[in-house]
Amino acid sequence: MKPILPEEGDVTQSSEQLTLDEYCVVRVDKSRLLQIEIRGLDEPLPSEDWIPDRKLGYRSGEPTQLPFARRAIVGRQGALVETDCGNPSKYLLFRVDFSPVEGQSEATAATVKGFVQDYVTAAKKQLDCSS
């Protein structure tokens, strides 16, 4: 199965860091754990300002991390993340949307909103992540 993400462009590689605008740092570390850090213009948001969507499986107050990340393409409004569920022969796409933290201006804070279900549904038709 051919990966959907392109080989070239704004793609993170292992242990590299990619920064876009003033808001977002995305890193895929050596263990292939993708970490998305949303920051204000002047300093990182405190941990209590993290509000990952419940669909991603993380509680409020925790950094947003996706395990088994291969790579990610990141833009101003969100990221498209490719993972393989720990099995190199499989892959799954997540779309992560960025949105303002409630009660704060868009210029100073953002949060991970969630993934688009139809990406996941389409991928699950071709692979079983639970096995």
C-alpha atoms as a PDB file:
ATOM      1  CA  MET A   1       0.000   0.000   0.000  1.00  0.00           C
ATOM      2  CA  LYS A   2       1.454   3.348  -1.022  1.00  0.00           C
ATOM      3  CA  PRO A   3       1.570   6.058   1.675  1.00  0.00           C
ATOM      4  CA  ILE A   4      -0.766   8.979   1.030  1.00  0.00           C
ATOM      5  CA  LEU A   5       1.574  11.632   2.394  1.00  0.00           C
ATOM      6  CA  PRO A   6       4.101  12.992  -0.125  1.00  0.00           C
ATOM      7  CA  GLU A   7       7.786  12.259   0.238  1.00  0.00           C
ATOM      8  CA  GLU A   8       8.777  15.915  -0.052  1.00  0.00           C
ATOM      9  CA  GLY A   9       7.554  19.119   1.557  1.00  0.00           C
ATOM     10  CA  ASP A  10       7.038  20.105   5.194  1.00  0.00           C
ATOM     11  CA  VAL A  11       7.677  16.651   6.606  1.00  0.00           C
ATOM     12  CA  THR A  12       9.258  15.982   9.993  1.00  0.00           C
ATOM     13  CA  GLN A  13      12.010  13.403  10.171  1.00  0.00           C
ATOM     14  CA  SER A  14      13.152  11.479  13.227  1.00  0.00           C
ATOM     15  CA  SER A  15      14.469  13.767  16.008  1.00  0.00           C
ATOM     16  CA  GLU A  16      13.995  16.867  13.869  1.00  0.00           C
ATOM     17  CA  GLN A  17      11.896  19.860  14.830  1.00  0.00           C
ATOM     18  CA  LEU A  18       9.590  21.840  12.556  1.00  0.00           C
ATOM     19  CA  THR A  19       8.276  25.259  13.577  1.00  0.00           C
ATOM     20  CA  LEU A  20       5.522  27.073  11.694  1.00  0.00           C
ATOM     21  CA  ASP A  21       4.438  30.631  12.380  1.00  0.00           C
ATOM     22  CA  GLU A  22       4.757  31.458  16.072  1.00  0.00           C
ATOM     23  CA  TYR A  23       2.217  28.910  17.181  1.00  0.00           C
ATOM     24  CA  CYS A  24       3.213  25.332  16.544  1.00  0.00           C
ATOM     25  CA  VAL A  25       6.217  23.083  17.075  1.00  0.00           C
ATOM     26  CA  VAL A  26       5.951  19.495  15.871  1.00  0.00           C
ATOM     27  CA  ARG A  27       8.582  16.905  16.703  1.00  0.00           C
ATOM     28  CA  VAL A  28       8.901  13.208  15.901  1.00  0.00           C
ATOM     29  CA  ASP A  29      11.425  11.816  18.383  1.00  0.00           C
ATOM     30  CA  LYS A  30      13.654   8.750  17.989  1.00  0.00           C
ATOM     31  CA  SER A  31      10.968   6.502  19.455  1.00  0.00           C
ATOM     32  CA  ARG A  32       8.553   7.892  16.805  1.00  0.00           C
ATOM     33  CA  LEU A  33       6.322   9.660  19.319  1.00  0.00           C
ATOM     34  CA  LEU A  34       4.830  12.701  17.618  1.00  0.00           C
ATOM     35  CA  GLN A  35       4.491  15.671  19.967  1.00  0.00           C
ATOM     36  CA  ILE A  36       2.520  18.764  19.033  1.00  0.00           C
ATOM     37  CA  GLU A  37       3.257  21.894  21.051  1.00  0.00           C
ATOM     38  CA  ILE A  38       0.943  24.888  20.628  1.00  0.00           C
ATOM     39  CA  ARG A  39       2.482  28.120  21.839  1.00  0.00           C
ATOM     40  CA  GLY A  40       1.551  31.746  22.340  1.00  0.00           C
ATOM     41  CA  LEU A  41       3.432  34.521  20.590  1.00  0.00           C
ATOM     42  CA  ASP A  42       5.895  35.128  23.436  1.00  0.00           C
ATOM     43  CA  GLU A  43       6.128  31.950  25.511  1.00  0.00           C
ATOM     44  CA  PRO A  44       4.861  28.354  25.613  1.00  0.00           C
ATOM     45  CA  LEU A  45       1.395  27.822  27.005  1.00  0.00           C
ATOM     46  CA  PRO A  46       1.354  26.421  30.558  1.00  0.00           C
ATOM     47  CA  SER A  47       0.397  22.755  30.739  1.00  0.00           C
ATOM     48  CA  GLU A  48      -3.061  23.538  32.125  1.00  0.00           C
ATOM     49  CA  ASP A  49      -3.863  25.368  28.869  1.00  0.00           C
ATOM     50  CA  TRP A  50      -3.591  22.155  26.825  1.00  0.00           C
ATOM     51  CA  ILE A  51      -7.050  21.004  25.780  1.00  0.00           C
ATOM     52  CA  PRO A  52      -6.684  17.970  23.503  1.00  0.00           C
ATOM     53  CA  ASP A  53      -9.899  16.638  22.033  1.00  0.00           C
ATOM     54  CA  ARG A  54     -11.259  13.636  23.918  1.00  0.00           C
ATOM     55  CA  LYS A  55     -11.329  11.626  20.681  1.00  0.00           C
ATOM     56  CA  LEU A  56      -7.531  11.588  20.690  1.00  0.00           C
ATOM     57  CA  GLY A  57      -7.581   9.818  24.058  1.00  0.00           C
ATOM     58  CA  TYR A  58      -5.726  12.410  26.140  1.00  0.00           C
ATOM     59  CA  ARG A  59      -6.950  14.289  29.197  1.00  0.00           C
ATOM     60  CA  SER A  60      -6.955  18.065  29.452  1.00  0.00           C
ATOM     61  CA  GLY A  61      -3.655  19.276  30.878  1.00  0.00           C
ATOM     62  CA  GLU A  62      -1.494  16.782  28.993  1.00  0.00           C
ATOM     63  CA  PRO A  63       0.611  17.464  25.902  1.00  0.00           C
ATOM     64  CA  THR A  64      -0.834  15.985  22.736  1.00  0.00           C
ATOM     65  CA  GLN A  65       1.216  13.024  21.614  1.00  0.00           C
ATOM     66  CA  LEU A  66       0.562  10.423  18.928  1.00  0.00           C
ATOM     67  CA  PRO A  67       2.641   7.218  19.175  1.00  0.00           C
ATOM     68  CA  PHE A  68       4.236   5.397  16.262  1.00  0.00           C
ATOM     69  CA  ALA A  69       4.367   8.508  14.095  1.00  0.00           C
ATOM     70  CA  ARG A  70       6.120   8.184  10.778  1.00  0.00           C
ATOM     71  CA  ARG A  71       5.843  11.796   9.682  1.00  0.00           C
ATOM     72  CA  ALA A  72       3.559  14.797   9.708  1.00  0.00           C
ATOM     73  CA  ILE A  73       2.667  17.643   7.401  1.00  0.00           C
ATOM     74  CA  VAL A  74       1.808  20.767   9.351  1.00  0.00           C
ATOM     75  CA  GLY A  75       0.078  23.957   8.309  1.00  0.00           C
ATOM     76  CA  ARG A  76      -1.394  27.009   9.959  1.00  0.00           C
ATOM     77  CA  GLN A  77      -4.771  25.320  10.577  1.00  0.00           C
ATOM     78  CA  GLY A  78      -3.671  21.817  11.464  1.00  0.00           C
ATOM     79  CA  ALA A  79      -1.568  18.753  10.769  1.00  0.00           C
ATOM     80  CA  LEU A  80      -1.896  15.494   8.867  1.00  0.00           C
ATOM     81  CA  VAL A  81      -0.110  12.731  10.768  1.00  0.00           C
ATOM     82  CA  GLU A  82       0.843   9.304   9.454  1.00  0.00           C
ATOM     83  CA  THR A  83       1.268   6.500  12.014  1.00  0.00           C
ATOM     84  CA  ASP A  84       1.694   2.749  11.632  1.00  0.00           C
ATOM     85  CA  CYS A  85       0.187   1.516  14.928  1.00  0.00           C
ATOM     86  CA  GLY A  86       3.525  -0.140  15.740  1.00  0.00           C
ATOM     87  CA  ASN A  87       3.426  -2.329  12.643  1.00  0.00           C
ATOM     88  CA  PRO A  88       5.648  -1.033   9.793  1.00  0.00           C
ATOM     89  CA  SER A  89       3.444  -2.705   7.157  1.00  0.00           C
ATOM     90  CA  LYS A  90       0.388  -0.662   8.195  1.00  0.00           C
ATOM     91  CA  TYR A  91      -0.446   3.006   8.394  1.00  0.00           C
ATOM     92  CA  LEU A  92      -3.202   5.276   9.619  1.00  0.00           C
ATOM     93  CA  LEU A  93      -3.804   8.957   8.935  1.00  0.00           C
ATOM     94  CA  PHE A  94      -4.908  11.463  11.564  1.00  0.00           C
ATOM     95  CA  ARG A  95      -5.902  15.030  10.846  1.00  0.00           C
ATOM     96  CA  VAL A  96      -5.303  17.344  13.795  1.00  0.00           C
ATOM     97  CA  ASP A  97      -7.032  20.739  13.722  1.00  0.00           C
ATOM     98  CA  PHE A  98      -5.843  23.763  15.650  1.00  0.00           C
ATOM     99  CA  SER A  99      -8.366  26.124  17.207  1.00  0.00           C
ATOM    100  CA  PRO A 100      -8.314  28.958  19.763  1.00  0.00           C
ATOM    101  CA  VAL A 101      -8.409  28.105  23.438  1.00  0.00           C
ATOM    102  CA  GLU A 102     -11.844  29.106  24.711  1.00  0.00           C
ATOM    103  CA  GLY A 103     -11.833  32.589  26.202  1.00  0.00           C
ATOM    104  CA  GLN A 104      -8.506  33.572  24.624  1.00  0.00           C
ATOM    105  CA  SER A 105      -7.753  35.353  21.397  1.00  0.00           C
ATOM    106  CA  GLU A 106      -6.683  33.398  18.332  1.00  0.00           C
ATOM    107  CA  ALA A 107      -3.488  35.425  18.206  1.00  0.00           C
ATOM    108  CA  THR A 108      -2.232  34.214  21.578  1.00  0.00           C
ATOM    109  CA  ALA A 109      -3.284  30.577  21.983  1.00  0.00           C
ATOM    110  CA  ALA A 110      -4.498  27.499  20.161  1.00  0.00           C
ATOM    111  CA  THR A 111      -5.370  23.928  20.988  1.00  0.00           C
ATOM    112  CA  VAL A 112      -5.574  20.575  19.289  1.00  0.00           C
ATOM    113  CA  LYS A 113      -9.191  20.031  18.324  1.00  0.00           C
ATOM    114  CA  GLY A 114      -9.269  16.480  17.055  1.00  0.00           C
ATOM    115  CA  PHE A 115      -9.070  14.309  13.982  1.00  0.00           C
ATOM    116  CA  VAL A 116     -11.405  13.937  11.051  1.00  0.00           C
ATOM    117  CA  GLN A 117     -13.243  10.648  11.464  1.00  0.00           C
ATOM    118  CA  ASP A 118     -13.495   9.843   7.763  1.00  0.00           C
ATOM    119  CA  TYR A 119      -9.691   9.679   7.424  1.00  0.00           C
ATOM    120  CA  VAL A 120      -9.679   7.068  10.167  1.00  0.00           C
ATOM    121  CA  THR A 121     -12.691   5.180   8.794  1.00  0.00           C
ATOM    122  CA  ALA A 122     -11.159   4.966   5.318  1.00  0.00           C
ATOM    123  CA  ALA A 123      -7.842   3.757   6.693  1.00  0.00           C
ATOM    124  CA  LYS A 124      -9.430   1.172   8.994  1.00  0.00           C
ATOM    125  CA  LYS A 125     -11.063  -0.467   5.985  1.00  0.00           C
ATOM    126  CA  GLN A 126      -7.569  -1.379   4.819  1.00  0.00           C
ATOM    127  CA  LEU A 127      -5.888  -2.257   8.127  1.00  0.00           C
ATOM    128  CA  ASP A 128      -6.610  -3.455  11.625  1.00  0.00           C
ATOM    129  CA  CYS A 129      -4.698  -1.426  14.211  1.00  0.00           C
ATOM    130  CA  SER A 130      -5.731  -3.669  17.082  1.00  0.00           C
ATOM    131  CA  SER A 131      -3.739  -6.628  15.853  1.00  0.00           C
END
